[in-house]
Amino acid sequence: MSRGKIEGGIFNAGQPISEVLLRNLCQPFSRGKIKPGQQGLGLGFFIAAKIAKAHSGELAISYNDEATCFTLTIPLG
């Protein structure tokens, strides 16, 4: 928590996420490579971004060749 805002992040050091998928994550029904038996609608990031925006916050993505980090920031008060 920093001055006037709360921030949380998820760090993924697994398989890199393609730039195409990263650009489209805020779109509804956006999904990456689907594995057999993998469930989901591709709405999680879309909904999380809408919730952040509704609270005057943001959901950001930063990445490099080794990891991807998703950060949620919401102002306090």
PDB file of N, CA and C in Angstrom:
ATOM      1  N   MET A   1       0.860  -1.163   0.000  1.00  0.00           N
ATOM      2  CA  MET A   1       0.000   0.000   0.000  1.00  0.00           C
ATOM      3  C   MET A   1       0.912   1.233   0.000  1.00  0.00           C
ATOM      4  N   SER A   2       0.660   2.116  -0.904  1.00  0.00           N
ATOM      5  CA  SER A   2       1.412   3.363  -0.931  1.00  0.00           C
ATOM      6  C   SER A   2       0.465   4.514  -0.644  1.00  0.00           C
ATOM      7  N   ARG A   3       0.985   5.710  -0.587  1.00  0.00           N
ATOM      8  CA  ARG A   3       0.201   6.878  -0.196  1.00  0.00           C
ATOM      9  C   ARG A   3      -1.010   7.071  -1.113  1.00  0.00           C
ATOM     10  N   GLY A   4      -2.201   6.920  -0.550  1.00  0.00           N
ATOM     11  CA  GLY A   4      -3.417   7.214  -1.285  1.00  0.00           C
ATOM     12  C   GLY A   4      -3.925   6.140  -2.221  1.00  0.00           C
ATOM     13  N   LYS A   5      -3.246   4.981  -2.237  1.00  0.00           N
ATOM     14  CA  LYS A   5      -3.725   3.917  -3.115  1.00  0.00           C
ATOM     15  C   LYS A   5      -3.301   2.563  -2.567  1.00  0.00           C
ATOM     16  N   ILE A   6      -4.014   1.548  -3.007  1.00  0.00           N
ATOM     17  CA  ILE A   6      -3.657   0.177  -2.672  1.00  0.00           C
ATOM     18  C   ILE A   6      -3.303  -0.513  -3.982  1.00  0.00           C
ATOM     19  N   GLU A   7      -2.261  -1.328  -3.912  1.00  0.00           N
ATOM     20  CA  GLU A   7      -1.771  -1.961  -5.129  1.00  0.00           C
ATOM     21  C   GLU A   7      -1.437  -3.412  -4.838  1.00  0.00           C
ATOM     22  N   GLY A   8      -1.848  -4.296  -5.727  1.00  0.00           N
ATOM     23  CA  GLY A   8      -1.534  -5.709  -5.602  1.00  0.00           C
ATOM     24  C   GLY A   8      -1.143  -6.259  -6.952  1.00  0.00           C
ATOM     25  N   GLY A   9      -0.279  -7.251  -6.943  1.00  0.00           N
ATOM     26  CA  GLY A   9       0.172  -7.796  -8.214  1.00  0.00           C
ATOM     27  C   GLY A   9       0.264  -9.305  -8.205  1.00  0.00           C
ATOM     28  N   ILE A  10       0.216  -9.861  -9.395  1.00  0.00           N
ATOM     29  CA  ILE A  10       0.415 -11.290  -9.608  1.00  0.00           C
ATOM     30  C   ILE A  10       1.556 -11.421 -10.598  1.00  0.00           C
ATOM     31  N   PHE A  11       2.560 -12.193 -10.223  1.00  0.00           N
ATOM     32  CA  PHE A  11       3.761 -12.362 -11.021  1.00  0.00           C
ATOM     33  C   PHE A  11       3.753 -13.762 -11.616  1.00  0.00           C
ATOM     34  N   ASN A  12       3.891 -13.888 -12.932  1.00  0.00           N
ATOM     35  CA  ASN A  12       3.876 -15.171 -13.618  1.00  0.00           C
ATOM     36  C   ASN A  12       5.225 -15.386 -14.291  1.00  0.00           C
ATOM     37  N   ALA A  13       6.031 -16.286 -13.735  1.00  0.00           N
ATOM     38  CA  ALA A  13       7.332 -16.588 -14.324  1.00  0.00           C
ATOM     39  C   ALA A  13       7.258 -17.842 -15.191  1.00  0.00           C
ATOM     40  N   GLY A  14       6.062 -18.244 -15.538  1.00  0.00           N
ATOM     41  CA  GLY A  14       5.878 -19.420 -16.380  1.00  0.00           C
ATOM     42  C   GLY A  14       6.070 -19.101 -17.851  1.00  0.00           C
ATOM     43  N   GLN A  15       5.406 -19.855 -18.673  1.00  0.00           N
ATOM     44  CA  GLN A  15       5.510 -19.679 -20.117  1.00  0.00           C
ATOM     45  C   GLN A  15       5.087 -18.260 -20.509  1.00  0.00           C
ATOM     46  N   PRO A  16       5.870 -17.581 -21.360  1.00  0.00           N
ATOM     47  CA  PRO A  16       5.524 -16.209 -21.756  1.00  0.00           C
ATOM     48  C   PRO A  16       4.161 -16.128 -22.442  1.00  0.00           C
ATOM     49  N   ILE A  17       3.492 -15.018 -22.253  1.00  0.00           N
ATOM     50  CA  ILE A  17       2.207 -14.754 -22.896  1.00  0.00           C
ATOM     51  C   ILE A  17       2.492 -13.959 -24.163  1.00  0.00           C
ATOM     52  N   SER A  18       1.905 -14.375 -25.268  1.00  0.00           N
ATOM     53  CA  SER A  18       2.185 -13.712 -26.546  1.00  0.00           C
ATOM     54  C   SER A  18       1.733 -12.256 -26.526  1.00  0.00           C
ATOM     55  N   GLU A  19       2.426 -11.424 -27.307  1.00  0.00           N
ATOM     56  CA  GLU A  19       2.063 -10.005 -27.384  1.00  0.00           C
ATOM     57  C   GLU A  19       0.646  -9.821 -27.911  1.00  0.00           C
ATOM     58  N   VAL A  20       0.229 -10.673 -28.845  1.00  0.00           N
ATOM     59  CA  VAL A  20      -1.128 -10.578 -29.399  1.00  0.00           C
ATOM     60  C   VAL A  20      -2.147 -10.800 -28.292  1.00  0.00           C
ATOM     61  N   LEU A  21      -1.948 -11.822 -27.480  1.00  0.00           N
ATOM     62  CA  LEU A  21      -2.879 -12.095 -26.383  1.00  0.00           C
ATOM     63  C   LEU A  21      -2.840 -10.967 -25.356  1.00  0.00           C
ATOM     64  N   LEU A  22      -1.658 -10.474 -25.020  1.00  0.00           N
ATOM     65  CA  LEU A  22      -1.559  -9.380 -24.052  1.00  0.00           C
ATOM     66  C   LEU A  22      -2.321  -8.145 -24.514  1.00  0.00           C
ATOM     67  N   ARG A  23      -2.252  -7.844 -25.807  1.00  0.00           N
ATOM     68  CA  ARG A  23      -2.963  -6.673 -26.342  1.00  0.00           C
ATOM     69  C   ARG A  23      -4.476  -6.854 -26.276  1.00  0.00           C
ATOM     70  N   ASN A  24      -4.937  -8.105 -26.310  1.00  0.00           N
ATOM     71  CA  ASN A  24      -6.372  -8.374 -26.364  1.00  0.00           C
ATOM     72  C   ASN A  24      -6.975  -8.829 -25.040  1.00  0.00           C
ATOM     73  N   LEU A  25      -6.194  -8.875 -23.980  1.00  0.00           N
ATOM     74  CA  LEU A  25      -6.702  -9.387 -22.704  1.00  0.00           C
ATOM     75  C   LEU A  25      -7.889  -8.609 -22.158  1.00  0.00           C
ATOM     76  N   CYS A  26      -7.986  -7.337 -22.446  1.00  0.00           N
ATOM     77  CA  CYS A  26      -9.108  -6.533 -21.932  1.00  0.00           C
ATOM     78  C   CYS A  26     -10.363  -6.692 -22.778  1.00  0.00           C
ATOM     79  N   GLN A  27     -10.280  -7.482 -23.822  1.00  0.00           N
ATOM     80  CA  GLN A  27     -11.445  -7.727 -24.671  1.00  0.00           C
ATOM     81  C   GLN A  27     -12.207  -8.935 -24.128  1.00  0.00           C
ATOM     82  N   PRO A  28     -13.538  -8.892 -24.146  1.00  0.00           N
ATOM     83  CA  PRO A  28     -14.291 -10.051 -23.660  1.00  0.00           C
ATOM     84  C   PRO A  28     -14.049 -11.265 -24.544  1.00  0.00           C
ATOM     85  N   PHE A  29     -14.020 -12.429 -23.930  1.00  0.00           N
ATOM     86  CA  PHE A  29     -13.863 -13.731 -24.578  1.00  0.00           C
ATOM     87  C   PHE A  29     -12.481 -13.930 -25.187  1.00  0.00           C
ATOM     88  N   SER A  30     -11.493 -13.182 -24.719  1.00  0.00           N
ATOM     89  CA  SER A  30     -10.116 -13.332 -25.194  1.00  0.00           C
ATOM     90  C   SER A  30      -9.453 -14.465 -24.422  1.00  0.00           C
ATOM     91  N   ARG A  31      -9.016 -15.493 -25.144  1.00  0.00           N
ATOM     92  CA  ARG A  31      -8.358 -16.638 -24.513  1.00  0.00           C
ATOM     93  C   ARG A  31      -7.091 -16.980 -25.263  1.00  0.00           C
ATOM     94  N   GLY A  32      -6.159 -17.511 -24.552  1.00  0.00           N
ATOM     95  CA  GLY A  32      -4.906 -17.953 -25.154  1.00  0.00           C
ATOM     96  C   GLY A  32      -5.054 -19.353 -25.713  1.00  0.00           C
ATOM     97  N   LYS A  33      -3.938 -20.026 -25.803  1.00  0.00           N
ATOM     98  CA  LYS A  33      -3.928 -21.397 -26.290  1.00  0.00           C
ATOM     99  C   LYS A  33      -4.687 -22.267 -25.290  1.00  0.00           C
ATOM    100  N   ILE A  34      -5.692 -22.967 -25.765  1.00  0.00           N
ATOM    101  CA  ILE A  34      -6.555 -23.764 -24.897  1.00  0.00           C
ATOM    102  C   ILE A  34      -6.057 -25.204 -24.879  1.00  0.00           C
ATOM    103  N   LYS A  35      -5.858 -25.726 -23.672  1.00  0.00           N
ATOM    104  CA  LYS A  35      -5.412 -27.101 -23.492  1.00  0.00           C
ATOM    105  C   LYS A  35      -6.633 -27.988 -23.282  1.00  0.00           C
ATOM    106  N   PRO A  36      -6.547 -29.277 -23.627  1.00  0.00           N
ATOM    107  CA  PRO A  36      -7.676 -30.185 -23.396  1.00  0.00           C
ATOM    108  C   PRO A  36      -8.107 -30.150 -21.931  1.00  0.00           C
ATOM    109  N   GLY A  37      -9.399 -30.042 -21.715  1.00  0.00           N
ATOM    110  CA  GLY A  37      -9.956 -30.015 -20.371  1.00  0.00           C
ATOM    111  C   GLY A  37      -9.877 -28.664 -19.682  1.00  0.00           C
ATOM    112  N   GLN A  38      -9.293 -27.678 -20.329  1.00  0.00           N
ATOM    113  CA  GLN A  38      -9.172 -26.345 -19.731  1.00  0.00           C
ATOM    114  C   GLN A  38     -10.480 -25.591 -19.919  1.00  0.00           C
ATOM    115  N   GLN A  39     -11.045 -25.127 -18.822  1.00  0.00           N
ATOM    116  CA  GLN A  39     -12.311 -24.416 -18.881  1.00  0.00           C
ATOM    117  C   GLN A  39     -12.101 -22.921 -18.756  1.00  0.00           C
ATOM    118  N   GLY A  40     -13.103 -22.173 -19.114  1.00  0.00           N
ATOM    119  CA  GLY A  40     -13.064 -20.722 -18.978  1.00  0.00           C
ATOM    120  C   GLY A  40     -13.723 -20.061 -20.167  1.00  0.00           C
ATOM    121  N   LEU A  41     -14.131 -18.822 -19.973  1.00  0.00           N
ATOM    122  CA  LEU A  41     -14.813 -18.076 -21.033  1.00  0.00           C
ATOM    123  C   LEU A  41     -13.984 -16.924 -21.581  1.00  0.00           C
ATOM    124  N   GLY A  42     -12.840 -16.651 -20.965  1.00  0.00           N
ATOM    125  CA  GLY A  42     -12.050 -15.512 -21.413  1.00  0.00           C
ATOM    126  C   GLY A  42     -12.615 -14.189 -20.932  1.00  0.00           C
ATOM    127  N   LEU A  43     -13.233 -14.201 -19.761  1.00  0.00           N
ATOM    128  CA  LEU A  43     -13.848 -12.986 -19.223  1.00  0.00           C
ATOM    129  C   LEU A  43     -13.151 -12.458 -17.972  1.00  0.00           C
ATOM    130  N   GLY A  44     -12.270 -13.229 -17.371  1.00  0.00           N
ATOM    131  CA  GLY A  44     -11.673 -12.857 -16.092  1.00  0.00           C
ATOM    132  C   GLY A  44     -10.959 -11.520 -16.104  1.00  0.00           C
ATOM    133  N   PHE A  45     -10.035 -11.328 -17.024  1.00  0.00           N
ATOM    134  CA  PHE A  45      -9.284 -10.078 -17.075  1.00  0.00           C
ATOM    135  C   PHE A  45     -10.186  -8.927 -17.485  1.00  0.00           C
ATOM    136  N   PHE A  46     -11.101  -9.182 -18.393  1.00  0.00           N
ATOM    137  CA  PHE A  46     -12.064  -8.171 -18.839  1.00  0.00           C
ATOM    138  C   PHE A  46     -12.882  -7.661 -17.652  1.00  0.00           C
ATOM    139  N   ILE A  47     -13.415  -8.580 -16.847  1.00  0.00           N
ATOM    140  CA  ILE A  47     -14.230  -8.205 -15.687  1.00  0.00           C
ATOM    141  C   ILE A  47     -13.376  -7.497 -14.635  1.00  0.00           C
ATOM    142  N   ALA A  48     -12.175  -8.007 -14.378  1.00  0.00           N
ATOM    143  CA  ALA A  48     -11.289  -7.373 -13.396  1.00  0.00           C
ATOM    144  C   ALA A  48     -10.946  -5.941 -13.804  1.00  0.00           C
ATOM    145  N   ALA A  49     -10.703  -5.713 -15.086  1.00  0.00           N
ATOM    146  CA  ALA A  49     -10.394  -4.362 -15.575  1.00  0.00           C
ATOM    147  C   ALA A  49     -11.595  -3.436 -15.407  1.00  0.00           C
ATOM    148  N   LYS A  50     -12.806  -3.949 -15.649  1.00  0.00           N
ATOM    149  CA  LYS A  50     -14.023  -3.142 -15.472  1.00  0.00           C
ATOM    150  C   LYS A  50     -14.234  -2.782 -13.998  1.00  0.00           C
ATOM    151  N   ILE A  51     -13.979  -3.732 -13.107  1.00  0.00           N
ATOM    152  CA  ILE A  51     -14.119  -3.467 -11.672  1.00  0.00           C
ATOM    153  C   ILE A  51     -13.108  -2.408 -11.239  1.00  0.00           C
ATOM    154  N   ALA A  52     -11.873  -2.540 -11.699  1.00  0.00           N
ATOM    155  CA  ALA A  52     -10.844  -1.543 -11.365  1.00  0.00           C
ATOM    156  C   ALA A  52     -11.267  -0.165 -11.848  1.00  0.00           C
ATOM    157  N   LYS A  53     -11.738  -0.076 -13.074  1.00  0.00           N
ATOM    158  CA  LYS A  53     -12.156   1.212 -13.637  1.00  0.00           C
ATOM    159  C   LYS A  53     -13.331   1.797 -12.857  1.00  0.00           C
ATOM    160  N   ALA A  54     -14.274   0.946 -12.430  1.00  0.00           N
ATOM    161  CA  ALA A  54     -15.433   1.414 -11.666  1.00  0.00           C
ATOM    162  C   ALA A  54     -15.013   2.034 -10.330  1.00  0.00           C
ATOM    163  N   HIS A  55     -13.827   1.658  -9.848  1.00  0.00           N
ATOM    164  CA  HIS A  55     -13.304   2.202  -8.591  1.00  0.00           C
ATOM    165  C   HIS A  55     -12.196   3.224  -8.845  1.00  0.00           C
ATOM    166  N   SER A  56     -12.181   3.786 -10.050  1.00  0.00           N
ATOM    167  CA  SER A  56     -11.177   4.789 -10.464  1.00  0.00           C
ATOM    168  C   SER A  56      -9.754   4.254 -10.409  1.00  0.00           C
ATOM    169  N   GLY A  57      -9.619   2.962 -10.606  1.00  0.00           N
ATOM    170  CA  GLY A  57      -8.299   2.331 -10.600  1.00  0.00           C
ATOM    171  C   GLY A  57      -7.933   1.804 -11.968  1.00  0.00           C
ATOM    172  N   GLU A  58      -6.911   0.959 -11.984  1.00  0.00           N
ATOM    173  CA  GLU A  58      -6.505   0.365 -13.249  1.00  0.00           C
ATOM    174  C   GLU A  58      -5.921  -1.015 -13.025  1.00  0.00           C
ATOM    175  N   LEU A  59      -5.971  -1.811 -14.064  1.00  0.00           N
ATOM    176  CA  LEU A  59      -5.355  -3.128 -14.093  1.00  0.00           C
ATOM    177  C   LEU A  59      -4.316  -3.067 -15.196  1.00  0.00           C
ATOM    178  N   ALA A  60      -3.057  -3.183 -14.832  1.00  0.00           N
ATOM    179  CA  ALA A  60      -1.970  -3.006 -15.793  1.00  0.00           C
ATOM    180  C   ALA A  60      -1.195  -4.307 -15.980  1.00  0.00           C
ATOM    181  N   ILE A  61      -0.534  -4.415 -17.134  1.00  0.00           N
ATOM    182  CA  ILE A  61       0.294  -5.572 -17.450  1.00  0.00           C
ATOM    183  C   ILE A  61       1.690  -5.069 -17.799  1.00  0.00           C
ATOM    184  N   SER A  62       2.689  -5.673 -17.187  1.00  0.00           N
ATOM    185  CA  SER A  62       4.067  -5.412 -17.594  1.00  0.00           C
ATOM    186  C   SER A  62       4.716  -6.771 -17.852  1.00  0.00           C
ATOM    187  N   TYR A  63       5.631  -6.812 -18.802  1.00  0.00           N
ATOM    188  CA  TYR A  63       6.225  -8.101 -19.152  1.00  0.00           C
ATOM    189  C   TYR A  63       7.595  -7.919 -19.791  1.00  0.00           C
ATOM    190  N   ASN A  64       8.355  -9.014 -19.750  1.00  0.00           N
ATOM    191  CA  ASN A  64       9.607  -9.120 -20.482  1.00  0.00           C
ATOM    192  C   ASN A  64       9.737 -10.579 -20.914  1.00  0.00           C
ATOM    193  N   ASP A  65      10.898 -10.992 -21.369  1.00  0.00           N
ATOM    194  CA  ASP A  65      11.070 -12.364 -21.863  1.00  0.00           C
ATOM    195  C   ASP A  65      10.979 -13.416 -20.762  1.00  0.00           C
ATOM    196  N   GLU A  66      11.117 -13.001 -19.511  1.00  0.00           N
ATOM    197  CA  GLU A  66      11.160 -13.952 -18.409  1.00  0.00           C
ATOM    198  C   GLU A  66       9.886 -14.037 -17.583  1.00  0.00           C
ATOM    199  N   ALA A  67       9.076 -12.982 -17.581  1.00  0.00           N
ATOM    200  CA  ALA A  67       7.908 -12.987 -16.700  1.00  0.00           C
ATOM    201  C   ALA A  67       6.872 -11.955 -17.124  1.00  0.00           C
ATOM    202  N   THR A  68       5.657 -12.161 -16.618  1.00  0.00           N
ATOM    203  CA  THR A  68       4.553 -11.223 -16.815  1.00  0.00           C
ATOM    204  C   THR A  68       4.032 -10.843 -15.436  1.00  0.00           C
ATOM    205  N   CYS A  69       3.710  -9.569 -15.248  1.00  0.00           N
ATOM    206  CA  CYS A  69       3.173  -9.101 -13.972  1.00  0.00           C
ATOM    207  C   CYS A  69       1.865  -8.353 -14.221  1.00  0.00           C
ATOM    208  N   PHE A  70       0.830  -8.752 -13.513  1.00  0.00           N
ATOM    209  CA  PHE A  70      -0.474  -8.092 -13.573  1.00  0.00           C
ATOM    210  C   PHE A  70      -0.613  -7.300 -12.278  1.00  0.00           C
ATOM    211  N   THR A  71      -0.886  -6.003 -12.373  1.00  0.00           N
ATOM    212  CA  THR A  71      -0.959  -5.146 -11.195  1.00  0.00           C
ATOM    213  C   THR A  71      -2.295  -4.408 -11.141  1.00  0.00           C
ATOM    214  N   LEU A  72      -2.983  -4.537 -10.012  1.00  0.00           N
ATOM    215  CA  LEU A  72      -4.242  -3.839  -9.767  1.00  0.00           C
ATOM    216  C   LEU A  72      -3.961  -2.678  -8.819  1.00  0.00           C
ATOM    217  N   THR A  73      -4.337  -1.469  -9.221  1.00  0.00           N
ATOM    218  CA  THR A  73      -4.153  -0.274  -8.401  1.00  0.00           C
ATOM    219  C   THR A  73      -5.499   0.418  -8.227  1.00  0.00           C
ATOM    220  N   ILE A  74      -5.880   0.685  -6.967  1.00  0.00           N
ATOM    221  CA  ILE A  74      -7.143   1.364  -6.667  1.00  0.00           C
ATOM    222  C   ILE A  74      -6.865   2.472  -5.651  1.00  0.00           C
ATOM    223  N   PRO A  75      -7.337   3.706  -5.933  1.00  0.00           N
ATOM    224  CA  PRO A  75      -7.131   4.800  -4.982  1.00  0.00           C
ATOM    225  C   PRO A  75      -7.948   4.577  -3.707  1.00  0.00           C
ATOM    226  N   LEU A  76      -7.416   5.045  -2.592  1.00  0.00           N
ATOM    227  CA  LEU A  76      -8.126   4.945  -1.317  1.00  0.00           C
ATOM    228  C   LEU A  76      -8.968   6.193  -1.098  1.00  0.00           C
ATOM    229  N   GLY A  77     -10.086   5.993  -0.429  1.00  0.00           N
ATOM    230  CA  GLY A  77     -10.896   7.149  -0.064  1.00  0.00           C
ATOM    231  C   GLY A  77     -12.013   7.466  -0.951  1.00  0.00           C
TER     232      GLY A  77
END
